[in-house]
Amino acid sequence: SRLRELGAVFQSAPNWSEHVEADGTLITGQNPQSTVAVSK
């Protein structure tokens, strides 16, 4: 909710599924299941 309020384009996947967003040099992952994908 906070990120959306700040004007972020928040992209999500179903609960507890791996999900990563890369927008230029900003890389964010959804949950613990996404850590390796963010690192890669």
PDB file of all heavy atoms in Angstrom:
ATOM      1  N   SER A   1       0.831  -1.213   0.000  1.00  0.00           N
ATOM      2  CA  SER A   1       0.000   0.000   0.000  1.00  0.00           C
ATOM      3  C   SER A   1       0.860   1.256   0.000  1.00  0.00           C
ATOM      4  O   SER A   1       0.574   2.218  -0.730  1.00  0.00           O
ATOM      5  CB  SER A   1      -0.931   0.010   1.215  1.00  0.00           C
ATOM      6  OG  SER A   1      -1.891  -1.018   1.109  1.00  0.00           O
ATOM      7  N   ARG A   2       1.921   1.264   0.807  1.00  0.00           N
ATOM      8  CA  ARG A   2       2.784   2.447   0.879  1.00  0.00           C
ATOM      9  C   ARG A   2       3.464   2.717  -0.460  1.00  0.00           C
ATOM     10  O   ARG A   2       3.523   3.864  -0.919  1.00  0.00           O
ATOM     11  CB  ARG A   2       3.829   2.257   1.985  1.00  0.00           C
ATOM     12  CG  ARG A   2       4.876   3.371   2.071  1.00  0.00           C
ATOM     13  CD  ARG A   2       4.297   4.728   2.452  1.00  0.00           C
ATOM     14  NE  ARG A   2       3.713   4.720   3.769  1.00  0.00           N
ATOM     15  CZ  ARG A   2       4.379   4.886   4.908  1.00  0.00           C
ATOM     16  NH1 ARG A   2       5.684   5.085   4.887  1.00  0.00           N
ATOM     17  NH2 ARG A   2       3.742   4.863   6.059  1.00  0.00           N
ATOM     18  N   LEU A   3       3.979   1.672  -1.083  1.00  0.00           N
ATOM     19  CA  LEU A   3       4.666   1.855  -2.365  1.00  0.00           C
ATOM     20  C   LEU A   3       3.702   2.363  -3.431  1.00  0.00           C
ATOM     21  O   LEU A   3       4.050   3.230  -4.238  1.00  0.00           O
ATOM     22  CB  LEU A   3       5.327   0.540  -2.794  1.00  0.00           C
ATOM     23  CG  LEU A   3       6.499   0.084  -1.902  1.00  0.00           C
ATOM     24  CD1 LEU A   3       6.935  -1.326  -2.278  1.00  0.00           C
ATOM     25  CD2 LEU A   3       7.676   1.045  -1.982  1.00  0.00           C
ATOM     26  N   ARG A   4       2.470   1.861  -3.410  1.00  0.00           N
ATOM     27  CA  ARG A   4       1.463   2.351  -4.359  1.00  0.00           C
ATOM     28  C   ARG A   4       1.157   3.835  -4.099  1.00  0.00           C
ATOM     29  O   ARG A   4       1.026   4.624  -5.043  1.00  0.00           O
ATOM     30  CB  ARG A   4       0.185   1.526  -4.238  1.00  0.00           C
ATOM     31  CG  ARG A   4       0.295   0.114  -4.812  1.00  0.00           C
ATOM     32  CD  ARG A   4      -1.053  -0.598  -4.736  1.00  0.00           C
ATOM     33  NE  ARG A   4      -0.988  -1.970  -5.177  1.00  0.00           N
ATOM     34  CZ  ARG A   4      -1.035  -2.387  -6.446  1.00  0.00           C
ATOM     35  NH1 ARG A   4      -1.115  -1.489  -7.418  1.00  0.00           N
ATOM     36  NH2 ARG A   4      -0.996  -3.669  -6.739  1.00  0.00           N
ATOM     37  N   GLU A   5       1.056   4.198  -2.824  1.00  0.00           N
ATOM     38  CA  GLU A   5       0.776   5.603  -2.477  1.00  0.00           C
ATOM     39  C   GLU A   5       1.870   6.526  -3.004  1.00  0.00           C
ATOM     40  O   GLU A   5       1.609   7.682  -3.348  1.00  0.00           O
ATOM     41  CB  GLU A   5       0.685   5.763  -0.952  1.00  0.00           C
ATOM     42  CG  GLU A   5      -0.590   5.203  -0.329  1.00  0.00           C
ATOM     43  CD  GLU A   5      -0.453   5.036   1.184  1.00  0.00           C
ATOM     44  OE1 GLU A   5       0.532   5.564   1.764  1.00  0.00           O
ATOM     45  OE2 GLU A   5      -1.323   4.369   1.787  1.00  0.00           O
ATOM     46  N   LEU A   6       3.091   6.029  -3.057  1.00  0.00           N
ATOM     47  CA  LEU A   6       4.226   6.822  -3.523  1.00  0.00           C
ATOM     48  C   LEU A   6       4.297   6.908  -5.040  1.00  0.00           C
ATOM     49  O   LEU A   6       5.192   7.559  -5.592  1.00  0.00           O
ATOM     50  CB  LEU A   6       5.533   6.228  -2.977  1.00  0.00           C
ATOM     51  CG  LEU A   6       5.736   6.347  -1.471  1.00  0.00           C
ATOM     52  CD1 LEU A   6       6.878   5.447  -1.011  1.00  0.00           C
ATOM     53  CD2 LEU A   6       6.000   7.794  -1.070  1.00  0.00           C
ATOM     54  N   GLY A   7       3.374   6.230  -5.728  1.00  0.00           N
ATOM     55  CA  GLY A   7       3.340   6.304  -7.179  1.00  0.00           C
ATOM     56  C   GLY A   7       4.056   5.174  -7.885  1.00  0.00           C
ATOM     57  O   GLY A   7       4.255   5.224  -9.103  1.00  0.00           O
ATOM     58  N   ALA A   8       4.460   4.143  -7.122  1.00  0.00           N
ATOM     59  CA  ALA A   8       5.103   2.991  -7.748  1.00  0.00           C
ATOM     60  C   ALA A   8       4.090   2.220  -8.592  1.00  0.00           C
ATOM     61  O   ALA A   8       2.902   2.186  -8.280  1.00  0.00           O
ATOM     62  CB  ALA A   8       5.698   2.073  -6.680  1.00  0.00           C
ATOM     63  N   VAL A   9       4.585   1.612  -9.645  1.00  0.00           N
ATOM     64  CA  VAL A   9       3.765   0.707 -10.459  1.00  0.00           C
ATOM     65  C   VAL A   9       3.980  -0.688  -9.878  1.00  0.00           C
ATOM     66  O   VAL A   9       4.898  -1.410 -10.267  1.00  0.00           O
ATOM     67  CB  VAL A   9       4.179   0.774 -11.943  1.00  0.00           C
ATOM     68  CG1 VAL A   9       3.290  -0.127 -12.790  1.00  0.00           C
ATOM     69  CG2 VAL A   9       4.139   2.212 -12.447  1.00  0.00           C
ATOM     70  N   PHE A  10       3.137  -1.035  -8.912  1.00  0.00           N
ATOM     71  CA  PHE A  10       3.362  -2.265  -8.137  1.00  0.00           C
ATOM     72  C   PHE A  10       2.857  -3.469  -8.926  1.00  0.00           C
ATOM     73  O   PHE A  10       1.706  -3.534  -9.327  1.00  0.00           O
ATOM     74  CB  PHE A  10       2.636  -2.181  -6.794  1.00  0.00           C
ATOM     75  CG  PHE A  10       3.078  -3.239  -5.813  1.00  0.00           C
ATOM     76  CD1 PHE A  10       4.095  -2.991  -4.910  1.00  0.00           C
ATOM     77  CD2 PHE A  10       2.468  -4.494  -5.809  1.00  0.00           C
ATOM     78  CE1 PHE A  10       4.515  -3.962  -4.017  1.00  0.00           C
ATOM     79  CE2 PHE A  10       2.881  -5.473  -4.925  1.00  0.00           C
ATOM     80  CZ  PHE A  10       3.906  -5.207  -4.025  1.00  0.00           C
ATOM     81  N   GLN A  11       3.757  -4.416  -9.153  1.00  0.00           N
ATOM     82  CA  GLN A  11       3.431  -5.643  -9.892  1.00  0.00           C
ATOM     83  C   GLN A  11       3.519  -6.814  -8.923  1.00  0.00           C
ATOM     84  O   GLN A  11       4.549  -7.007  -8.289  1.00  0.00           O
ATOM     85  CB  GLN A  11       4.442  -5.861 -11.023  1.00  0.00           C
ATOM     86  CG  GLN A  11       4.622  -4.679 -11.925  1.00  0.00           C
ATOM     87  CD  GLN A  11       3.509  -4.561 -12.948  1.00  0.00           C
ATOM     88  OE1 GLN A  11       2.969  -5.557 -13.407  1.00  0.00           O
ATOM     89  NE2 GLN A  11       3.166  -3.337 -13.302  1.00  0.00           N
ATOM     90  N   SER A  12       2.466  -7.610  -8.827  1.00  0.00           N
ATOM     91  CA  SER A  12       2.520  -8.733  -7.886  1.00  0.00           C
ATOM     92  C   SER A  12       2.096 -10.025  -8.553  1.00  0.00           C
ATOM     93  O   SER A  12       1.442 -10.026  -9.599  1.00  0.00           O
ATOM     94  CB  SER A  12       1.643  -8.457  -6.669  1.00  0.00           C
ATOM     95  OG  SER A  12       0.297  -8.283  -7.057  1.00  0.00           O
ATOM     96  N   ALA A  13       2.484 -11.118  -7.942  1.00  0.00           N
ATOM     97  CA  ALA A  13       2.112 -12.458  -8.377  1.00  0.00           C
ATOM     98  C   ALA A  13       1.303 -13.102  -7.247  1.00  0.00           C
ATOM     99  O   ALA A  13       1.196 -12.534  -6.156  1.00  0.00           O
ATOM    100  CB  ALA A  13       3.374 -13.257  -8.678  1.00  0.00           C
ATOM    101  N   PRO A  14       0.724 -14.284  -7.468  1.00  0.00           N
ATOM    102  CA  PRO A  14       0.001 -14.960  -6.391  1.00  0.00           C
ATOM    103  C   PRO A  14       0.881 -15.149  -5.150  1.00  0.00           C
ATOM    104  O   PRO A  14       2.114 -15.234  -5.255  1.00  0.00           O
ATOM    105  CB  PRO A  14      -0.370 -16.316  -7.014  1.00  0.00           C
ATOM    106  CG  PRO A  14      -0.448 -16.039  -8.483  1.00  0.00           C
ATOM    107  CD  PRO A  14       0.617 -15.014  -8.744  1.00  0.00           C
ATOM    108  N   ASN A  15       0.244 -15.198  -3.997  1.00  0.00           N
ATOM    109  CA  ASN A  15       0.967 -15.333  -2.727  1.00  0.00           C
ATOM    110  C   ASN A  15       2.016 -16.440  -2.783  1.00  0.00           C
ATOM    111  O   ASN A  15       1.741 -17.538  -3.266  1.00  0.00           O
ATOM    112  CB  ASN A  15      -0.005 -15.651  -1.591  1.00  0.00           C
ATOM    113  CG  ASN A  15      -0.861 -14.458  -1.230  1.00  0.00           C
ATOM    114  OD1 ASN A  15      -0.867 -13.444  -1.929  1.00  0.00           O
ATOM    115  ND2 ASN A  15      -1.596 -14.567  -0.135  1.00  0.00           N
ATOM    116  N   TRP A  16       3.200 -16.116  -2.289  1.00  0.00           N
ATOM    117  CA  TRP A  16       4.287 -17.063  -2.070  1.00  0.00           C
ATOM    118  C   TRP A  16       4.843 -17.650  -3.368  1.00  0.00           C
ATOM    119  O   TRP A  16       5.486 -18.692  -3.350  1.00  0.00           O
ATOM    120  CB  TRP A  16       3.853 -18.191  -1.105  1.00  0.00           C
ATOM    121  CG  TRP A  16       3.138 -17.646   0.079  1.00  0.00           C
ATOM    122  CD1 TRP A  16       1.810 -17.774   0.375  1.00  0.00           C
ATOM    123  CD2 TRP A  16       3.691 -16.822   1.107  1.00  0.00           C
ATOM    124  NE1 TRP A  16       1.508 -17.088   1.530  1.00  0.00           N
ATOM    125  CE2 TRP A  16       2.643 -16.494   2.005  1.00  0.00           C
ATOM    126  CE3 TRP A  16       4.974 -16.327   1.368  1.00  0.00           C
ATOM    127  CZ2 TRP A  16       2.823 -15.702   3.132  1.00  0.00           C
ATOM    128  CZ3 TRP A  16       5.165 -15.539   2.491  1.00  0.00           C
ATOM    129  CH2 TRP A  16       4.094 -15.234   3.353  1.00  0.00           C
ATOM    130  N   SER A  17       4.621 -16.966  -4.481  1.00  0.00           N
ATOM    131  CA  SER A  17       5.234 -17.426  -5.727  1.00  0.00           C
ATOM    132  C   SER A  17       6.400 -16.502  -6.078  1.00  0.00           C
ATOM    133  O   SER A  17       6.397 -15.327  -5.734  1.00  0.00           O
ATOM    134  CB  SER A  17       4.218 -17.463  -6.862  1.00  0.00           C
ATOM    135  OG  SER A  17       3.621 -16.198  -7.056  1.00  0.00           O
ATOM    136  N   GLU A  18       7.399 -17.056  -6.751  1.00  0.00           N
ATOM    137  CA  GLU A  18       8.582 -16.277  -7.123  1.00  0.00           C
ATOM    138  C   GLU A  18       8.190 -15.166  -8.089  1.00  0.00           C
ATOM    139  O   GLU A  18       7.493 -15.399  -9.067  1.00  0.00           O
ATOM    140  CB  GLU A  18       9.601 -17.200  -7.783  1.00  0.00           C
ATOM    141  CG  GLU A  18      10.852 -16.502  -8.261  1.00  0.00           C
ATOM    142  CD  GLU A  18      11.749 -17.425  -9.063  1.00  0.00           C
ATOM    143  OE1 GLU A  18      12.131 -18.479  -8.528  1.00  0.00           O
ATOM    144  OE2 GLU A  18      12.044 -17.083 -10.233  1.00  0.00           O
ATOM    145  N   HIS A  19       8.642 -13.953  -7.795  1.00  0.00           N
ATOM    146  CA  HIS A  19       8.349 -12.835  -8.692  1.00  0.00           C
ATOM    147  C   HIS A  19       9.403 -11.751  -8.514  1.00  0.00           C
ATOM    148  O   HIS A  19       9.722 -11.357  -7.395  1.00  0.00           O
ATOM    149  CB  HIS A  19       6.963 -12.253  -8.398  1.00  0.00           C
ATOM    150  CG  HIS A  19       6.562 -11.192  -9.378  1.00  0.00           C
ATOM    151  ND1 HIS A  19       6.210 -11.465 -10.673  1.00  0.00           N
ATOM    152  CD2 HIS A  19       6.496  -9.845  -9.257  1.00  0.00           C
ATOM    153  CE1 HIS A  19       5.923 -10.340 -11.305  1.00  0.00           C
ATOM    154  NE2 HIS A  19       6.097  -9.343 -10.480  1.00  0.00           N
ATOM    155  N   VAL A  20       9.929 -11.274  -9.615  1.00  0.00           N
ATOM    156  CA  VAL A  20      10.963 -10.232  -9.611  1.00  0.00           C
ATOM    157  C   VAL A  20      10.584  -9.155 -10.610  1.00  0.00           C
ATOM    158  O   VAL A  20      10.071  -9.451 -11.685  1.00  0.00           O
ATOM    159  CB  VAL A  20      12.342 -10.818  -9.993  1.00  0.00           C
ATOM    160  CG1 VAL A  20      13.402  -9.720 -10.070  1.00  0.00           C
ATOM    161  CG2 VAL A  20      12.768 -11.871  -8.990  1.00  0.00           C
ATOM    162  N   GLU A  21      10.827  -7.909 -10.236  1.00  0.00           N
ATOM    163  CA  GLU A  21      10.693  -6.788 -11.166  1.00  0.00           C
ATOM    164  C   GLU A  21      12.048  -6.096 -11.295  1.00  0.00           C
ATOM    165  O   GLU A  21      12.695  -5.818 -10.282  1.00  0.00           O
ATOM    166  CB  GLU A  21       9.649  -5.785 -10.669  1.00  0.00           C
ATOM    167  CG  GLU A  21       8.220  -6.253 -10.778  1.00  0.00           C
ATOM    168  CD  GLU A  21       7.747  -6.434 -12.203  1.00  0.00           C
ATOM    169  OE1 GLU A  21       8.207  -5.692 -13.092  1.00  0.00           O
ATOM    170  OE2 GLU A  21       6.908  -7.323 -12.429  1.00  0.00           O
ATOM    171  N   ALA A  22      12.452  -5.851 -12.535  1.00  0.00           N
ATOM    172  CA  ALA A  22      13.676  -5.092 -12.779  1.00  0.00           C
ATOM    173  C   ALA A  22      13.317  -3.891 -13.645  1.00  0.00           C
ATOM    174  O   ALA A  22      12.867  -4.057 -14.777  1.00  0.00           O
ATOM    175  CB  ALA A  22      14.720  -5.960 -13.472  1.00  0.00           C
ATOM    176  N   ASP A  23      13.469  -2.707 -13.077  1.00  0.00           N
ATOM    177  CA  ASP A  23      13.209  -1.468 -13.809  1.00  0.00           C
ATOM    178  C   ASP A  23      14.525  -0.698 -13.828  1.00  0.00           C
ATOM    179  O   ASP A  23      14.869   0.005 -12.869  1.00  0.00           O
ATOM    180  CB  ASP A  23      12.102  -0.666 -13.126  1.00  0.00           C
ATOM    181  CG  ASP A  23      11.602   0.491 -13.993  1.00  0.00           C
ATOM    182  OD1 ASP A  23      12.413   1.055 -14.749  1.00  0.00           O
ATOM    183  OD2 ASP A  23      10.407   0.834 -13.895  1.00  0.00           O
ATOM    184  N   GLY A  24      15.280  -0.883 -14.901  1.00  0.00           N
ATOM    185  CA  GLY A  24      16.620  -0.300 -14.934  1.00  0.00           C
ATOM    186  C   GLY A  24      17.489  -0.944 -13.867  1.00  0.00           C
ATOM    187  O   GLY A  24      17.586  -2.171 -13.777  1.00  0.00           O
ATOM    188  N   THR A  25      18.068  -0.127 -13.003  1.00  0.00           N
ATOM    189  CA  THR A  25      18.944  -0.651 -11.946  1.00  0.00           C
ATOM    190  C   THR A  25      18.197  -0.881 -10.633  1.00  0.00           C
ATOM    191  O   THR A  25      18.819  -1.189  -9.617  1.00  0.00           O
ATOM    192  CB  THR A  25      20.122   0.307 -11.691  1.00  0.00           C
ATOM    193  OG1 THR A  25      19.605   1.600 -11.346  1.00  0.00           O
ATOM    194  CG2 THR A  25      21.019   0.420 -12.917  1.00  0.00           C
ATOM    195  N   LEU A  26      16.870  -0.741 -10.645  1.00  0.00           N
ATOM    196  CA  LEU A  26      16.053  -1.012  -9.458  1.00  0.00           C
ATOM    197  C   LEU A  26      15.464  -2.418  -9.597  1.00  0.00           C
ATOM    198  O   LEU A  26      14.678  -2.683 -10.511  1.00  0.00           O
ATOM    199  CB  LEU A  26      14.944   0.025  -9.332  1.00  0.00           C
ATOM    200  CG  LEU A  26      14.012  -0.112  -8.123  1.00  0.00           C
ATOM    201  CD1 LEU A  26      14.773   0.045  -6.817  1.00  0.00           C
ATOM    202  CD2 LEU A  26      12.868   0.899  -8.203  1.00  0.00           C
ATOM    203  N   ILE A  27      15.863  -3.305  -8.684  1.00  0.00           N
ATOM    204  CA  ILE A  27      15.459  -4.718  -8.759  1.00  0.00           C
ATOM    205  C   ILE A  27      14.774  -5.093  -7.444  1.00  0.00           C
ATOM    206  O   ILE A  27      15.370  -4.941  -6.376  1.00  0.00           O
ATOM    207  CB  ILE A  27      16.672  -5.632  -8.984  1.00  0.00           C
ATOM    208  CG1 ILE A  27      17.457  -5.188 -10.217  1.00  0.00           C
ATOM    209  CG2 ILE A  27      16.241  -7.087  -9.114  1.00  0.00           C
ATOM    210  CD1 ILE A  27      18.824  -5.839 -10.330  1.00  0.00           C
ATOM    211  N   THR A  28      13.544  -5.577  -7.532  1.00  0.00           N
ATOM    212  CA  THR A  28      12.797  -5.913  -6.323  1.00  0.00           C
ATOM    213  C   THR A  28      12.122  -7.271  -6.475  1.00  0.00           C
ATOM    214  O   THR A  28      11.664  -7.628  -7.563  1.00  0.00           O
ATOM    215  CB  THR A  28      11.738  -4.839  -6.005  1.00  0.00           C
ATOM    216  OG1 THR A  28      11.035  -4.482  -7.204  1.00  0.00           O
ATOM    217  CG2 THR A  28      12.384  -3.581  -5.421  1.00  0.00           C
ATOM    218  N   GLY A  29      12.049  -8.006  -5.360  1.00  0.00           N
ATOM    219  CA  GLY A  29      11.430  -9.325  -5.347  1.00  0.00           C
ATOM    220  C   GLY A  29      10.358  -9.408  -4.280  1.00  0.00           C
ATOM    221  O   GLY A  29      10.401  -8.704  -3.270  1.00  0.00           O
ATOM    222  N   GLN A  30       9.398 -10.295  -4.489  1.00  0.00           N
ATOM    223  CA  GLN A  30       8.161 -10.287  -3.698  1.00  0.00           C
ATOM    224  C   GLN A  30       8.273 -10.915  -2.322  1.00  0.00           C
ATOM    225  O   GLN A  30       7.639 -10.443  -1.377  1.00  0.00           O
ATOM    226  CB  GLN A  30       7.060 -11.001  -4.503  1.00  0.00           C
ATOM    227  CG  GLN A  30       5.691 -10.968  -3.840  1.00  0.00           C
ATOM    228  CD  GLN A  30       4.590 -11.366  -4.798  1.00  0.00           C
ATOM    229  OE1 GLN A  30       4.604 -10.965  -5.951  1.00  0.00           O
ATOM    230  NE2 GLN A  30       3.642 -12.159  -4.323  1.00  0.00           N
ATOM    231  N   ASN A  31       9.032 -11.981  -2.170  1.00  0.00           N
ATOM    232  CA  ASN A  31       8.961 -12.798  -0.957  1.00  0.00           C
ATOM    233  C   ASN A  31      10.224 -13.647  -0.837  1.00  0.00           C
ATOM    234  O   ASN A  31      11.090 -13.594  -1.714  1.00  0.00           O
ATOM    235  CB  ASN A  31       7.703 -13.674  -1.015  1.00  0.00           C
ATOM    236  CG  ASN A  31       7.550 -14.319  -2.380  1.00  0.00           C
ATOM    237  OD1 ASN A  31       8.536 -14.697  -3.013  1.00  0.00           O
ATOM    238  ND2 ASN A  31       6.324 -14.407  -2.869  1.00  0.00           N
ATOM    239  N   PRO A  32      10.339 -14.458   0.221  1.00  0.00           N
ATOM    240  CA  PRO A  32      11.559 -15.275   0.349  1.00  0.00           C
ATOM    241  C   PRO A  32      11.813 -16.166  -0.866  1.00  0.00           C
ATOM    242  O   PRO A  32      12.965 -16.430  -1.214  1.00  0.00           O
ATOM    243  CB  PRO A  32      11.292 -16.113   1.606  1.00  0.00           C
ATOM    244  CG  PRO A  32      10.319 -15.309   2.404  1.00  0.00           C
ATOM    245  CD  PRO A  32       9.457 -14.600   1.403  1.00  0.00           C
ATOM    246  N   GLN A  33      10.740 -16.616  -1.513  1.00  0.00           N
ATOM    247  CA  GLN A  33      10.877 -17.490  -2.678  1.00  0.00           C
ATOM    248  C   GLN A  33      11.557 -16.782  -3.861  1.00  0.00           C
ATOM    249  O   GLN A  33      11.968 -17.441  -4.819  1.00  0.00           O
ATOM    250  CB  GLN A  33       9.495 -17.989  -3.113  1.00  0.00           C
ATOM    251  CG  GLN A  33       8.846 -18.974  -2.167  1.00  0.00           C
ATOM    252  CD  GLN A  33       8.242 -18.353  -0.917  1.00  0.00           C
ATOM    253  OE1 GLN A  33       8.159 -17.127  -0.792  1.00  0.00           O
ATOM    254  NE2 GLN A  33       7.830 -19.181   0.026  1.00  0.00           N
ATOM    255  N   SER A  34      11.660 -15.467  -3.793  1.00  0.00           N
ATOM    256  CA  SER A  34      12.189 -14.670  -4.907  1.00  0.00           C
ATOM    257  C   SER A  34      13.653 -14.276  -4.738  1.00  0.00           C
ATOM    258  O   SER A  34      14.227 -13.632  -5.623  1.00  0.00           O
ATOM    259  CB  SER A  34      11.337 -13.398  -5.067  1.00  0.00           C
ATOM    260  OG  SER A  34       9.965 -13.717  -5.155  1.00  0.00           O
ATOM    261  N   THR A  35      14.271 -14.664  -3.629  1.00  0.00           N
ATOM    262  CA  THR A  35      15.622 -14.172  -3.312  1.00  0.00           C
ATOM    263  C   THR A  35      16.655 -14.565  -4.354  1.00  0.00           C
ATOM    264  O   THR A  35      17.440 -13.726  -4.819  1.00  0.00           O
ATOM    265  CB  THR A  35      16.073 -14.678  -1.929  1.00  0.00           C
ATOM    266  OG1 THR A  35      15.118 -14.299  -0.951  1.00  0.00           O
ATOM    267  CG2 THR A  35      17.424 -14.108  -1.555  1.00  0.00           C
ATOM    268  N   VAL A  36      16.689 -15.830  -4.722  1.00  0.00           N
ATOM    269  CA  VAL A  36      17.705 -16.279  -5.677  1.00  0.00           C
ATOM    270  C   VAL A  36      17.514 -15.574  -7.021  1.00  0.00           C
ATOM    271  O   VAL A  36      18.483 -15.129  -7.646  1.00  0.00           O
ATOM    272  CB  VAL A  36      17.666 -17.813  -5.840  1.00  0.00           C
ATOM    273  CG1 VAL A  36      18.581 -18.246  -6.979  1.00  0.00           C
ATOM    274  CG2 VAL A  36      18.091 -18.492  -4.537  1.00  0.00           C
ATOM    275  N   ALA A  37      16.259 -15.428  -7.444  1.00  0.00           N
ATOM    276  CA  ALA A  37      15.991 -14.770  -8.723  1.00  0.00           C
ATOM    277  C   ALA A  37      16.442 -13.310  -8.704  1.00  0.00           C
ATOM    278  O   ALA A  37      16.987 -12.803  -9.692  1.00  0.00           O
ATOM    279  CB  ALA A  37      14.508 -14.870  -9.058  1.00  0.00           C
ATOM    280  N   VAL A  38      16.217 -12.607  -7.583  1.00  0.00           N
ATOM    281  CA  VAL A  38      16.687 -11.223  -7.465  1.00  0.00           C
ATOM    282  C   VAL A  38      18.214 -11.185  -7.529  1.00  0.00           C
ATOM    283  O   VAL A  38      18.809 -10.365  -8.231  1.00  0.00           O
ATOM    284  CB  VAL A  38      16.178 -10.575  -6.158  1.00  0.00           C
ATOM    285  CG1 VAL A  38      16.825  -9.203  -5.951  1.00  0.00           C
ATOM    286  CG2 VAL A  38      14.661 -10.432  -6.182  1.00  0.00           C
ATOM    287  N   SER A  39      18.856 -12.091  -6.796  1.00  0.00           N
ATOM    288  CA  SER A  39      20.324 -12.140  -6.778  1.00  0.00           C
ATOM    289  C   SER A  39      20.881 -12.371  -8.176  1.00  0.00           C
ATOM    290  O   SER A  39      21.858 -11.737  -8.584  1.00  0.00           O
ATOM    291  CB  SER A  39      20.807 -13.253  -5.842  1.00  0.00           C
ATOM    292  OG  SER A  39      20.230 -13.140  -4.570  1.00  0.00           O
ATOM    293  N   LYS A  40      20.250 -13.281  -8.914  1.00  0.00           N
ATOM    294  CA  LYS A  40      20.721 -13.591 -10.268  1.00  0.00           C
ATOM    295  C   LYS A  40      20.536 -12.389 -11.204  1.00  0.00           C
ATOM    296  O   LYS A  40      21.346 -12.169 -12.113  1.00  0.00           O
ATOM    297  CB  LYS A  40      19.996 -14.818 -10.815  1.00  0.00           C
ATOM    298  CG  LYS A  40      20.450 -16.122 -10.149  1.00  0.00           C
ATOM    299  CD  LYS A  40      19.764 -17.323 -10.755  1.00  0.00           C
ATOM    300  CE  LYS A  40      20.151 -18.613 -10.070  1.00  0.00           C
ATOM    301  NZ  LYS A  40      21.590 -18.925 -10.175  1.00  0.00           N
TER     302      LYS A  40
END
